[in-house]
Protein backbone atom coordinates (compact mmCIF):
# COMPACT_ATOMS: atom_id res chain seq x y z
CA MET A 1 6.72 25.79 28.75
CA ALA A 2 8.58 23.89 26.06
CA THR A 3 7.94 20.21 25.55
CA PRO A 4 10.95 17.94 25.98
CA GLN A 5 12.54 16.88 22.72
CA PRO A 6 12.32 13.14 21.96
CA THR A 7 15.52 11.19 21.55
CA PRO A 8 16.64 10.36 18.01
CA SER A 9 16.04 6.66 18.65
CA VAL A 10 12.37 7.32 19.52
CA VAL A 11 11.91 9.37 16.36
CA GLU A 12 13.65 6.76 14.26
CA ALA A 13 11.56 3.96 15.78
CA PHE A 14 8.38 5.90 14.98
CA PHE A 15 9.31 6.44 11.34
CA ASP A 16 10.59 2.85 10.97
CA GLN A 17 7.03 1.70 11.59
CA ALA A 18 5.56 3.71 8.68
CA LEU A 19 5.33 0.78 6.25
CA PRO A 20 3.63 -1.58 8.73
CA ARG A 21 1.17 1.22 9.57
CA ILE A 22 0.44 1.73 5.86
CA ARG A 23 -0.31 -2.00 5.50
CA LYS A 24 -2.65 -1.79 8.51
CA PHE A 25 -4.37 1.23 6.98
CA LEU A 26 -4.74 -0.75 3.75
CA LEU A 27 -6.44 -3.61 5.58
CA ALA A 28 -8.72 -1.28 7.56
CA LEU A 29 -9.68 0.72 4.46
CA ALA A 30 -10.31 -2.49 2.51
CA THR A 31 -12.64 -3.69 5.25
CA LEU A 32 -14.51 -0.38 5.36
CA GLY A 33 -14.68 -0.30 1.57
CA MET A 34 -16.06 -3.83 1.42
CA VAL A 35 -18.80 -2.93 3.91
CA ALA A 36 -19.63 0.25 1.99
CA CYS A 37 -19.73 -1.58 -1.35
CA ALA A 38 -21.89 -4.35 0.08
CA LEU A 39 -24.35 -1.83 1.53
CA LEU A 40 -24.44 0.68 -1.33
CA PHE A 41 -23.75 -1.29 -4.51
CA ARG A 42 -24.40 -4.67 -6.08
CA TRP A 43 -22.22 -7.72 -5.67
CA PRO A 44 -20.14 -7.14 -8.88
CA VAL A 45 -18.84 -3.84 -7.46
CA THR A 46 -18.14 -5.49 -4.12
CA ALA A 47 -16.33 -8.42 -5.74
CA GLY A 48 -14.33 -6.05 -7.94
CA PHE A 49 -13.40 -3.96 -4.91
CA LEU A 50 -12.26 -7.09 -3.06
CA VAL A 51 -10.03 -8.14 -5.97
CA GLY A 52 -8.66 -4.60 -6.27
CA ALA A 53 -7.95 -4.48 -2.52
CA ILE A 54 -6.13 -7.81 -2.69
CA VAL A 55 -4.09 -6.62 -5.67
CA SER A 56 -3.27 -3.41 -3.79
CA TYR A 57 -2.09 -5.25 -0.70
CA VAL A 58 0.02 -7.73 -2.67
CA ASN A 59 1.41 -4.86 -4.75
CA GLN A 60 2.36 -2.98 -1.56
CA VAL A 61 4.20 -6.00 -0.16
CA TRP A 62 6.00 -6.58 -3.46
CA LEU A 63 6.95 -2.91 -3.68
CA GLU A 64 8.43 -3.02 -0.17
CA ARG A 65 10.46 -6.10 -1.10
CA ALA A 66 11.68 -4.47 -4.30
CA ILE A 67 12.78 -1.36 -2.43
CA ASP A 68 14.58 -3.47 0.17
CA ALA A 69 16.29 -5.49 -2.56
CA LEU A 70 17.30 -2.37 -4.44
CA GLY A 71 18.64 -0.77 -1.26
CA GLU A 72 20.58 -3.94 -0.49
CA ARG A 73 21.97 -3.99 -4.01
CA ILE A 74 23.11 -0.38 -3.74
CA THR A 75 24.61 -0.57 -0.24
CA ALA A 76 26.13 -4.06 -0.22
CA ALA A 77 28.93 -4.86 -2.61
CA GLN A 78 28.24 -8.58 -2.29
CA SER A 79 24.46 -8.37 -2.82
CA ARG A 80 22.75 -11.54 -3.98
CA GLU A 81 20.02 -9.55 -5.77
CA ARG A 82 20.39 -9.17 -9.50
CA GLY A 83 19.40 -5.83 -10.99
CA GLY A 84 17.48 -7.38 -13.88
CA LEU A 85 15.41 -9.49 -11.51
CA ILE A 86 14.47 -6.43 -9.46
CA VAL A 87 13.28 -4.63 -12.61
CA PHE A 88 11.43 -7.74 -13.82
CA ARG A 89 9.53 -8.00 -10.53
CA ALA A 90 8.64 -4.31 -10.72
CA LEU A 91 7.19 -4.79 -14.19
CA LEU A 92 5.40 -7.95 -13.08
CA ARG A 93 3.48 -5.91 -10.51
CA TYR A 94 1.97 -3.76 -13.24
CA VAL A 95 1.20 -6.79 -15.40
CA PHE A 96 -0.60 -8.26 -12.38
CA ILE A 97 -2.78 -5.14 -12.09
CA ALA A 98 -3.46 -4.97 -15.84
CA VAL A 99 -4.49 -8.64 -16.04
CA GLY A 100 -6.82 -8.22 -13.07
CA ALA A 101 -8.43 -5.16 -14.65
CA TYR A 102 -8.78 -6.90 -18.02
CA VAL A 103 -10.41 -10.00 -16.57
CA ILE A 104 -12.83 -7.99 -14.46
CA PHE A 105 -13.64 -5.67 -17.38
CA ASN A 106 -14.61 -8.70 -19.49
CA VAL A 107 -16.83 -10.03 -16.71
CA SER A 108 -18.52 -6.85 -15.49
CA LEU A 109 -18.08 -3.14 -16.06
CA ALA A 110 -19.50 -2.48 -12.57
CA GLY A 111 -16.87 -4.87 -11.19
CA LEU A 112 -14.19 -2.82 -12.93
CA TYR A 113 -15.36 0.29 -11.08
CA GLY A 114 -15.03 -1.56 -7.79
CA PHE A 115 -11.63 -2.91 -8.84
CA LEU A 116 -10.37 0.58 -9.63
CA GLY A 117 -11.58 1.75 -6.23
CA GLY A 118 -9.72 -1.11 -4.56
CA VAL A 119 -6.54 -0.44 -6.54
CA CYS A 120 -6.57 3.18 -5.31
CA LEU A 121 -6.50 2.13 -1.63
CA PRO A 122 -2.71 2.64 -1.27
CA ILE A 123 -3.16 6.34 -2.06
CA VAL A 124 -5.66 6.71 0.78
CA ALA A 125 -3.51 4.56 3.10
CA VAL A 126 -0.47 6.76 2.47
CA ALA A 127 -2.61 9.86 3.06
CA CYS A 128 -3.68 8.37 6.40
CA GLU A 129 -0.03 7.74 7.28
CA VAL A 130 0.84 11.33 6.39
CA ALA A 131 -1.96 12.54 8.67
CA VAL A 132 -0.66 10.36 11.52
CA GLU A 133 2.89 11.62 11.05
CA ILE A 134 1.78 15.25 10.97
CA PHE A 135 -0.34 14.74 14.08
CA VAL A 136 2.49 13.02 15.97
CA MET A 137 5.04 15.62 14.88
CA LEU A 138 2.81 18.46 16.06
CA ARG A 139 1.77 16.69 19.23
CA ARG A 140 5.18 15.39 20.32
CA GLY A 141 7.36 18.03 18.71
CA PHE A 142 9.38 15.69 16.49
């Protein structure tokens, strides 16, 4: 027996929530990572992981804003966003990460390891989102 096909609006609503789900995964993974670092490593690694997780979350939010601004600039003829400002903000994100890594490296090499782990959280969060989407597509027949 075939499963009923979902309406396009249901599918669209599901995929529209991908970015908020990724942010939630980021927060959950950061919490789990903090607990793991606190239990398995010393405080410099835990502090570095916390800073890396914060940088990752802020970077994710800034990236979403940049994509929205770029999409607005492309689709709206009367966009208020300036192209140069969008590029500047994109570069500022990477400067933000580099400064955080430099400061932590000067304080503690162990903290840098934690920081790098925290900065990699978006990769794991996106992988979790992909797993959710695959599961839902197989389960609901999207």
